[in-house]
Amino acid sequence: MTFTATISEPNEPDAMPMWESFDHPTADDAYRAAKAHVHNTQQGDRIVDQGHGVYAIWSDDDGSARTPVATLVIAGAEQ
């Protein structure tokens, strides 16, 4: 089994993903790839665990207001 990290719009889960990364050997590797992507593109954003492989990505640019800007899903895929 491999794992995929997918970042999508929070209010449009069926829309085309904003970013995807495939074929990670573990869920932790997929999460680390997504975390690195978020850090490299939006350093002020935070990833918050929602449970069961789902994470909210919150914008925290001004240090006070948190706005959901994306959803990260880590899912297993059969090889």
PDB file of N, CA and C in Angstrom:
ATOM      1  N   MET A   1       0.848  -1.175   0.000  1.00  0.00           N
ATOM      2  CA  MET A   1       0.000   0.000   0.000  1.00  0.00           C
ATOM      3  C   MET A   1       0.892   1.236   0.000  1.00  0.00           C
ATOM      4  N   THR A   2       0.494   2.223  -0.762  1.00  0.00           N
ATOM      5  CA  THR A   2       1.146   3.523  -0.747  1.00  0.00           C
ATOM      6  C   THR A   2       0.134   4.558  -0.290  1.00  0.00           C
ATOM      7  N   PHE A   3       0.619   5.777  -0.052  1.00  0.00           N
ATOM      8  CA  PHE A   3      -0.258   6.835   0.454  1.00  0.00           C
ATOM      9  C   PHE A   3      -0.163   8.075  -0.419  1.00  0.00           C
ATOM     10  N   THR A   4      -1.282   8.779  -0.517  1.00  0.00           N
ATOM     11  CA  THR A   4      -1.387  10.004  -1.294  1.00  0.00           C
ATOM     12  C   THR A   4      -1.787  11.145  -0.377  1.00  0.00           C
ATOM     13  N   ALA A   5      -1.175  12.300  -0.591  1.00  0.00           N
ATOM     14  CA  ALA A   5      -1.561  13.527   0.106  1.00  0.00           C
ATOM     15  C   ALA A   5      -2.264  14.427  -0.902  1.00  0.00           C
ATOM     16  N   THR A   6      -3.458  14.882  -0.564  1.00  0.00           N
ATOM     17  CA  THR A   6      -4.239  15.731  -1.459  1.00  0.00           C
ATOM     18  C   THR A   6      -4.693  16.975  -0.719  1.00  0.00           C
ATOM     19  N   ILE A   7      -4.413  18.135  -1.292  1.00  0.00           N
ATOM     20  CA  ILE A   7      -4.880  19.406  -0.738  1.00  0.00           C
ATOM     21  C   ILE A   7      -5.960  19.933  -1.676  1.00  0.00           C
ATOM     22  N   SER A   8      -7.128  20.259  -1.104  1.00  0.00           N
ATOM     23  CA  SER A   8      -8.252  20.739  -1.905  1.00  0.00           C
ATOM     24  C   SER A   8      -8.917  21.933  -1.229  1.00  0.00           C
ATOM     25  N   GLU A   9      -9.801  22.569  -1.979  1.00  0.00           N
ATOM     26  CA  GLU A   9     -10.584  23.685  -1.445  1.00  0.00           C
ATOM     27  C   GLU A   9     -11.465  23.183  -0.309  1.00  0.00           C
ATOM     28  N   PRO A  10     -11.570  23.924   0.802  1.00  0.00           N
ATOM     29  CA  PRO A  10     -12.355  23.426   1.937  1.00  0.00           C
ATOM     30  C   PRO A  10     -13.850  23.360   1.673  1.00  0.00           C
ATOM     31  N   ASN A  11     -14.360  24.229   0.815  1.00  0.00           N
ATOM     32  CA  ASN A  11     -15.804  24.267   0.564  1.00  0.00           C
ATOM     33  C   ASN A  11     -16.198  23.598  -0.742  1.00  0.00           C
ATOM     34  N   GLU A  12     -15.222  23.061  -1.478  1.00  0.00           N
ATOM     35  CA  GLU A  12     -15.498  22.389  -2.745  1.00  0.00           C
ATOM     36  C   GLU A  12     -14.697  21.092  -2.823  1.00  0.00           C
ATOM     37  N   PRO A  13     -15.048  20.092  -2.013  1.00  0.00           N
ATOM     38  CA  PRO A  13     -14.253  18.865  -1.966  1.00  0.00           C
ATOM     39  C   PRO A  13     -14.224  18.089  -3.284  1.00  0.00           C
ATOM     40  N   ASP A  14     -15.198  18.307  -4.163  1.00  0.00           N
ATOM     41  CA  ASP A  14     -15.231  17.593  -5.442  1.00  0.00           C
ATOM     42  C   ASP A  14     -14.489  18.326  -6.549  1.00  0.00           C
ATOM     43  N   ALA A  15     -13.982  19.516  -6.263  1.00  0.00           N
ATOM     44  CA  ALA A  15     -13.242  20.291  -7.263  1.00  0.00           C
ATOM     45  C   ALA A  15     -11.864  19.662  -7.492  1.00  0.00           C
ATOM     46  N   MET A  16     -11.215  20.063  -8.567  1.00  0.00           N
ATOM     47  CA  MET A  16      -9.867  19.585  -8.866  1.00  0.00           C
ATOM     48  C   MET A  16      -8.947  19.925  -7.699  1.00  0.00           C
ATOM     49  N   PRO A  17      -8.100  18.977  -7.259  1.00  0.00           N
ATOM     50  CA  PRO A  17      -7.191  19.257  -6.149  1.00  0.00           C
ATOM     51  C   PRO A  17      -6.265  20.437  -6.449  1.00  0.00           C
ATOM     52  N   MET A  18      -5.919  21.159  -5.401  1.00  0.00           N
ATOM     53  CA  MET A  18      -4.973  22.264  -5.523  1.00  0.00           C
ATOM     54  C   MET A  18      -3.545  21.728  -5.615  1.00  0.00           C
ATOM     55  N   TRP A  19      -3.306  20.543  -4.998  1.00  0.00           N
ATOM     56  CA  TRP A  19      -1.973  19.929  -4.968  1.00  0.00           C
ATOM     57  C   TRP A  19      -2.142  18.467  -4.589  1.00  0.00           C
ATOM     58  N   GLU A  20      -1.331  17.584  -5.196  1.00  0.00           N
ATOM     59  CA  GLU A  20      -1.333  16.172  -4.838  1.00  0.00           C
ATOM     60  C   GLU A  20       0.085  15.621  -4.894  1.00  0.00           C
ATOM     61  N   SER A  21       0.335  14.636  -4.060  1.00  0.00           N
ATOM     62  CA  SER A  21       1.620  13.945  -4.052  1.00  0.00           C
ATOM     63  C   SER A  21       1.333  12.461  -3.834  1.00  0.00           C
ATOM     64  N   PHE A  22       1.861  11.621  -4.726  1.00  0.00           N
ATOM     65  CA  PHE A  22       1.513  10.205  -4.764  1.00  0.00           C
ATOM     66  C   PHE A  22       2.653   9.290  -4.317  1.00  0.00           C
ATOM     67  N   ASP A  23       2.294   8.032  -4.057  1.00  0.00           N
ATOM     68  CA  ASP A  23       3.226   6.915  -3.875  1.00  0.00           C
ATOM     69  C   ASP A  23       4.183   7.051  -2.693  1.00  0.00           C
ATOM     70  N   HIS A  24       3.694   7.554  -1.586  1.00  0.00           N
ATOM     71  CA  HIS A  24       4.506   7.616  -0.367  1.00  0.00           C
ATOM     72  C   HIS A  24       4.413   6.275   0.356  1.00  0.00           C
ATOM     73  N   PRO A  25       5.533   5.765   0.893  1.00  0.00           N
ATOM     74  CA  PRO A  25       5.492   4.453   1.532  1.00  0.00           C
ATOM     75  C   PRO A  25       4.699   4.413   2.840  1.00  0.00           C
ATOM     76  N   THR A  26       4.564   5.552   3.530  1.00  0.00           N
ATOM     77  CA  THR A  26       3.790   5.595   4.777  1.00  0.00           C
ATOM     78  C   THR A  26       2.917   6.853   4.790  1.00  0.00           C
ATOM     79  N   ALA A  27       1.914   6.835   5.666  1.00  0.00           N
ATOM     80  CA  ALA A  27       1.069   8.015   5.840  1.00  0.00           C
ATOM     81  C   ALA A  27       1.888   9.180   6.380  1.00  0.00           C
ATOM     82  N   ASP A  28       2.853   8.891   7.253  1.00  0.00           N
ATOM     83  CA  ASP A  28       3.715   9.942   7.791  1.00  0.00           C
ATOM     84  C   ASP A  28       4.537  10.605   6.696  1.00  0.00           C
ATOM     85  N   ASP A  29       5.032   9.812   5.739  1.00  0.00           N
ATOM     86  CA  ASP A  29       5.790  10.385   4.614  1.00  0.00           C
ATOM     87  C   ASP A  29       4.897  11.296   3.774  1.00  0.00           C
ATOM     88  N   ALA A  30       3.657  10.886   3.546  1.00  0.00           N
ATOM     89  CA  ALA A  30       2.722  11.711   2.776  1.00  0.00           C
ATOM     90  C   ALA A  30       2.433  13.011   3.521  1.00  0.00           C
ATOM     91  N   TYR A  31       2.231  12.916   4.827  1.00  0.00           N
ATOM     92  CA  TYR A  31       1.986  14.111   5.638  1.00  0.00           C
ATOM     93  C   TYR A  31       3.186  15.054   5.594  1.00  0.00           C
ATOM     94  N   ARG A  32       4.385  14.508   5.726  1.00  0.00           N
ATOM     95  CA  ARG A  32       5.592  15.343   5.685  1.00  0.00           C
ATOM     96  C   ARG A  32       5.739  16.054   4.343  1.00  0.00           C
ATOM     97  N   ALA A  33       5.396  15.382   3.249  1.00  0.00           N
ATOM     98  CA  ALA A  33       5.457  16.013   1.927  1.00  0.00           C
ATOM     99  C   ALA A  33       4.473  17.178   1.849  1.00  0.00           C
ATOM    100  N   ALA A  34       3.260  16.976   2.362  1.00  0.00           N
ATOM    101  CA  ALA A  34       2.259  18.041   2.359  1.00  0.00           C
ATOM    102  C   ALA A  34       2.682  19.193   3.258  1.00  0.00           C
ATOM    103  N   LYS A  35       3.206  18.855   4.426  1.00  0.00           N
ATOM    104  CA  LYS A  35       3.656  19.891   5.361  1.00  0.00           C
ATOM    105  C   LYS A  35       4.773  20.725   4.733  1.00  0.00           C
ATOM    106  N   ALA A  36       5.707  20.086   4.056  1.00  0.00           N
ATOM    107  CA  ALA A  36       6.794  20.810   3.386  1.00  0.00           C
ATOM    108  C   ALA A  36       6.242  21.714   2.289  1.00  0.00           C
ATOM    109  N   HIS A  37       5.264  21.211   1.539  1.00  0.00           N
ATOM    110  CA  HIS A  37       4.652  22.027   0.483  1.00  0.00           C
ATOM    111  C   HIS A  37       3.976  23.263   1.074  1.00  0.00           C
ATOM    112  N   VAL A  38       3.193  23.073   2.121  1.00  0.00           N
ATOM    113  CA  VAL A  38       2.501  24.200   2.756  1.00  0.00           C
ATOM    114  C   VAL A  38       3.522  25.195   3.298  1.00  0.00           C
ATOM    115  N   HIS A  39       4.546  24.709   3.958  1.00  0.00           N
ATOM    116  CA  HIS A  39       5.571  25.595   4.519  1.00  0.00           C
ATOM    117  C   HIS A  39       6.295  26.384   3.421  1.00  0.00           C
ATOM    118  N   ASN A  40       6.572  25.736   2.294  1.00  0.00           N
ATOM    119  CA  ASN A  40       7.282  26.406   1.199  1.00  0.00           C
ATOM    120  C   ASN A  40       6.416  27.418   0.461  1.00  0.00           C
ATOM    121  N   THR A  41       5.109  27.217   0.454  1.00  0.00           N
ATOM    122  CA  THR A  41       4.236  28.124  -0.300  1.00  0.00           C
ATOM    123  C   THR A  41       3.539  29.167   0.563  1.00  0.00           C
ATOM    124  N   GLN A  42       3.200  28.811   1.795  1.00  0.00           N
ATOM    125  CA  GLN A  42       2.477  29.718   2.699  1.00  0.00           C
ATOM    126  C   GLN A  42       2.986  29.512   4.117  1.00  0.00           C
ATOM    127  N   GLN A  43       4.088  30.138   4.462  1.00  0.00           N
ATOM    128  CA  GLN A  43       4.735  29.889   5.747  1.00  0.00           C
ATOM    129  C   GLN A  43       3.856  30.196   6.955  1.00  0.00           C
ATOM    130  N   GLY A  44       2.896  31.099   6.821  1.00  0.00           N
ATOM    131  CA  GLY A  44       2.032  31.451   7.948  1.00  0.00           C
ATOM    132  C   GLY A  44       0.885  30.495   8.177  1.00  0.00           C
ATOM    133  N   ASP A  45       0.668  29.547   7.252  1.00  0.00           N
ATOM    134  CA  ASP A  45      -0.455  28.624   7.397  1.00  0.00           C
ATOM    135  C   ASP A  45      -0.140  27.535   8.413  1.00  0.00           C
ATOM    136  N   ARG A  46      -1.191  27.024   9.042  1.00  0.00           N
ATOM    137  CA  ARG A  46      -1.051  25.957  10.034  1.00  0.00           C
ATOM    138  C   ARG A  46      -1.892  24.763   9.610  1.00  0.00           C
ATOM    139  N   ILE A  47      -1.389  23.582   9.917  1.00  0.00           N
ATOM    140  CA  ILE A  47      -2.114  22.348   9.624  1.00  0.00           C
ATOM    141  C   ILE A  47      -2.660  21.811  10.945  1.00  0.00           C
ATOM    142  N   VAL A  48      -3.981  21.592  10.983  1.00  0.00           N
ATOM    143  CA  VAL A  48      -4.653  21.162  12.213  1.00  0.00           C
ATOM    144  C   VAL A  48      -5.307  19.807  11.971  1.00  0.00           C
ATOM    145  N   ASP A  49      -4.943  18.826  12.778  1.00  0.00           N
ATOM    146  CA  ASP A  49      -5.466  17.464  12.656  1.00  0.00           C
ATOM    147  C   ASP A  49      -6.956  17.442  12.984  1.00  0.00           C
ATOM    148  N   GLN A  50      -7.757  16.922  12.052  1.00  0.00           N
ATOM    149  CA  GLN A  50      -9.195  16.775  12.260  1.00  0.00           C
ATOM    150  C   GLN A  50      -9.563  15.318  12.558  1.00  0.00           C
ATOM    151  N   GLY A  51      -8.585  14.423  12.423  1.00  0.00           N
ATOM    152  CA  GLY A  51      -8.805  13.005  12.687  1.00  0.00           C
ATOM    153  C   GLY A  51      -9.011  12.195  11.428  1.00  0.00           C
ATOM    154  N   HIS A  52      -8.635  10.918  11.479  1.00  0.00           N
ATOM    155  CA  HIS A  52      -8.845   9.963  10.396  1.00  0.00           C
ATOM    156  C   HIS A  52      -8.193  10.385   9.079  1.00  0.00           C
ATOM    157  N   GLY A  53      -7.001  10.987   9.143  1.00  0.00           N
ATOM    158  CA  GLY A  53      -6.271  11.360   7.933  1.00  0.00           C
ATOM    159  C   GLY A  53      -6.738  12.645   7.283  1.00  0.00           C
ATOM    160  N   VAL A  54      -7.560  13.417   7.980  1.00  0.00           N
ATOM    161  CA  VAL A  54      -8.061  14.688   7.443  1.00  0.00           C
ATOM    162  C   VAL A  54      -7.496  15.824   8.293  1.00  0.00           C
ATOM    163  N   TYR A  55      -7.013  16.855   7.614  1.00  0.00           N
ATOM    164  CA  TYR A  55      -6.399  18.006   8.277  1.00  0.00           C
ATOM    165  C   TYR A  55      -6.974  19.287   7.681  1.00  0.00           C
ATOM    166  N   ALA A  56      -7.219  20.266   8.515  1.00  0.00           N
ATOM    167  CA  ALA A  56      -7.610  21.598   8.045  1.00  0.00           C
ATOM    168  C   ALA A  56      -6.336  22.431   7.910  1.00  0.00           C
ATOM    169  N   ILE A  57      -6.272  23.215   6.873  1.00  0.00           N
ATOM    170  CA  ILE A  57      -5.162  24.154   6.705  1.00  0.00           C
ATOM    171  C   ILE A  57      -5.739  25.542   6.938  1.00  0.00           C
ATOM    172  N   TRP A  58      -5.171  26.236   7.940  1.00  0.00           N
ATOM    173  CA  TRP A  58      -5.666  27.534   8.362  1.00  0.00           C
ATOM    174  C   TRP A  58      -4.659  28.613   8.010  1.00  0.00           C
ATOM    175  N   SER A  59      -5.147  29.713   7.493  1.00  0.00           N
ATOM    176  CA  SER A  59      -4.304  30.882   7.240  1.00  0.00           C
ATOM    177  C   SER A  59      -4.153  31.632   8.546  1.00  0.00           C
ATOM    178  N   ASP A  60      -2.927  31.988   8.877  1.00  0.00           N
ATOM    179  CA  ASP A  60      -2.648  32.701  10.124  1.00  0.00           C
ATOM    180  C   ASP A  60      -1.653  33.825   9.837  1.00  0.00           C
ATOM    181  N   ASP A  61      -1.877  34.529   8.740  1.00  0.00           N
ATOM    182  CA  ASP A  61      -0.933  35.544   8.285  1.00  0.00           C
ATOM    183  C   ASP A  61      -0.743  36.686   9.272  1.00  0.00           C
ATOM    184  N   ASP A  62      -1.804  37.106   9.959  1.00  0.00           N
ATOM    185  CA  ASP A  62      -1.672  38.249  10.859  1.00  0.00           C
ATOM    186  C   ASP A  62      -1.492  37.843  12.318  1.00  0.00           C
ATOM    187  N   GLY A  63      -1.459  36.536  12.579  1.00  0.00           N
ATOM    188  CA  GLY A  63      -1.234  36.067  13.936  1.00  0.00           C
ATOM    189  C   GLY A  63      -2.464  36.015  14.815  1.00  0.00           C
ATOM    190  N   SER A  64      -3.616  36.432  14.294  1.00  0.00           N
ATOM    191  CA  SER A  64      -4.805  36.410  15.136  1.00  0.00           C
ATOM    192  C   SER A  64      -5.994  35.722  14.466  1.00  0.00           C
ATOM    193  N   ALA A  65      -6.334  36.132  13.262  1.00  0.00           N
ATOM    194  CA  ALA A  65      -7.511  35.587  12.585  1.00  0.00           C
ATOM    195  C   ALA A  65      -7.144  34.306  11.853  1.00  0.00           C
ATOM    196  N   ARG A  66      -7.876  33.262  12.110  1.00  0.00           N
ATOM    197  CA  ARG A  66      -7.646  31.995  11.429  1.00  0.00           C
ATOM    198  C   ARG A  66      -8.790  31.732  10.474  1.00  0.00           C
ATOM    199  N   THR A  67      -8.422  31.496   9.235  1.00  0.00           N
ATOM    200  CA  THR A  67      -9.403  31.248   8.187  1.00  0.00           C
ATOM    201  C   THR A  67      -9.076  29.920   7.513  1.00  0.00           C
ATOM    202  N   PRO A  68     -10.051  29.001   7.377  1.00  0.00           N
ATOM    203  CA  PRO A  68      -9.765  27.752   6.666  1.00  0.00           C
ATOM    204  C   PRO A  68      -9.543  28.037   5.181  1.00  0.00           C
ATOM    205  N   VAL A  69      -8.393  27.635   4.681  1.00  0.00           N
ATOM    206  CA  VAL A  69      -8.065  27.902   3.278  1.00  0.00           C
ATOM    207  C   VAL A  69      -7.976  26.631   2.446  1.00  0.00           C
ATOM    208  N   ALA A  70      -7.847  25.474   3.099  1.00  0.00           N
ATOM    209  CA  ALA A  70      -7.742  24.217   2.358  1.00  0.00           C
ATOM    210  C   ALA A  70      -7.951  23.045   3.298  1.00  0.00           C
ATOM    211  N   THR A  71      -8.148  21.872   2.683  1.00  0.00           N
ATOM    212  CA  THR A  71      -8.257  20.620   3.420  1.00  0.00           C
ATOM    213  C   THR A  71      -7.188  19.675   2.887  1.00  0.00           C
ATOM    214  N   LEU A  72      -6.472  19.026   3.782  1.00  0.00           N
ATOM    215  CA  LEU A  72      -5.481  18.018   3.436  1.00  0.00           C
ATOM    216  C   LEU A  72      -6.029  16.653   3.820  1.00  0.00           C
ATOM    217  N   VAL A  73      -5.978  15.708   2.871  1.00  0.00           N
ATOM    218  CA  VAL A  73      -6.404  14.338   3.134  1.00  0.00           C
ATOM    219  C   VAL A  73      -5.247  13.407   2.812  1.00  0.00           C
ATOM    220  N   ILE A  74      -4.917  12.523   3.754  1.00  0.00           N
ATOM    221  CA  ILE A  74      -3.924  11.483   3.551  1.00  0.00           C
ATOM    222  C   ILE A  74      -4.689  10.183   3.416  1.00  0.00           C
ATOM    223  N   ALA A  75      -4.550   9.535   2.250  1.00  0.00           N
ATOM    224  CA  ALA A  75      -5.316   8.317   1.984  1.00  0.00           C
ATOM    225  C   ALA A  75      -4.413   7.217   1.453  1.00  0.00           C
ATOM    226  N   GLY A  76      -4.727   5.993   1.849  1.00  0.00           N
ATOM    227  CA  GLY A  76      -4.008   4.841   1.349  1.00  0.00           C
ATOM    228  C   GLY A  76      -4.526   4.441  -0.020  1.00  0.00           C
ATOM    229  N   ALA A  77      -3.627   3.918  -0.851  1.00  0.00           N
ATOM    230  CA  ALA A  77      -3.998   3.468  -2.180  1.00  0.00           C
ATOM    231  C   ALA A  77      -3.375   2.101  -2.434  1.00  0.00           C
ATOM    232  N   GLU A  78      -4.134   1.201  -2.998  1.00  0.00           N
ATOM    233  CA  GLU A  78      -3.603  -0.115  -3.342  1.00  0.00           C
ATOM    234  C   GLU A  78      -2.636   0.037  -4.505  1.00  0.00           C
ATOM    235  N   GLN A  79      -1.587  -0.757  -4.475  1.00  0.00           N
ATOM    236  CA  GLN A  79      -0.598  -0.694  -5.565  1.00  0.00           C
ATOM    237  C   GLN A  79      -1.036  -1.521  -6.727  1.00  0.00           C
TER     238      GLN A  79
END
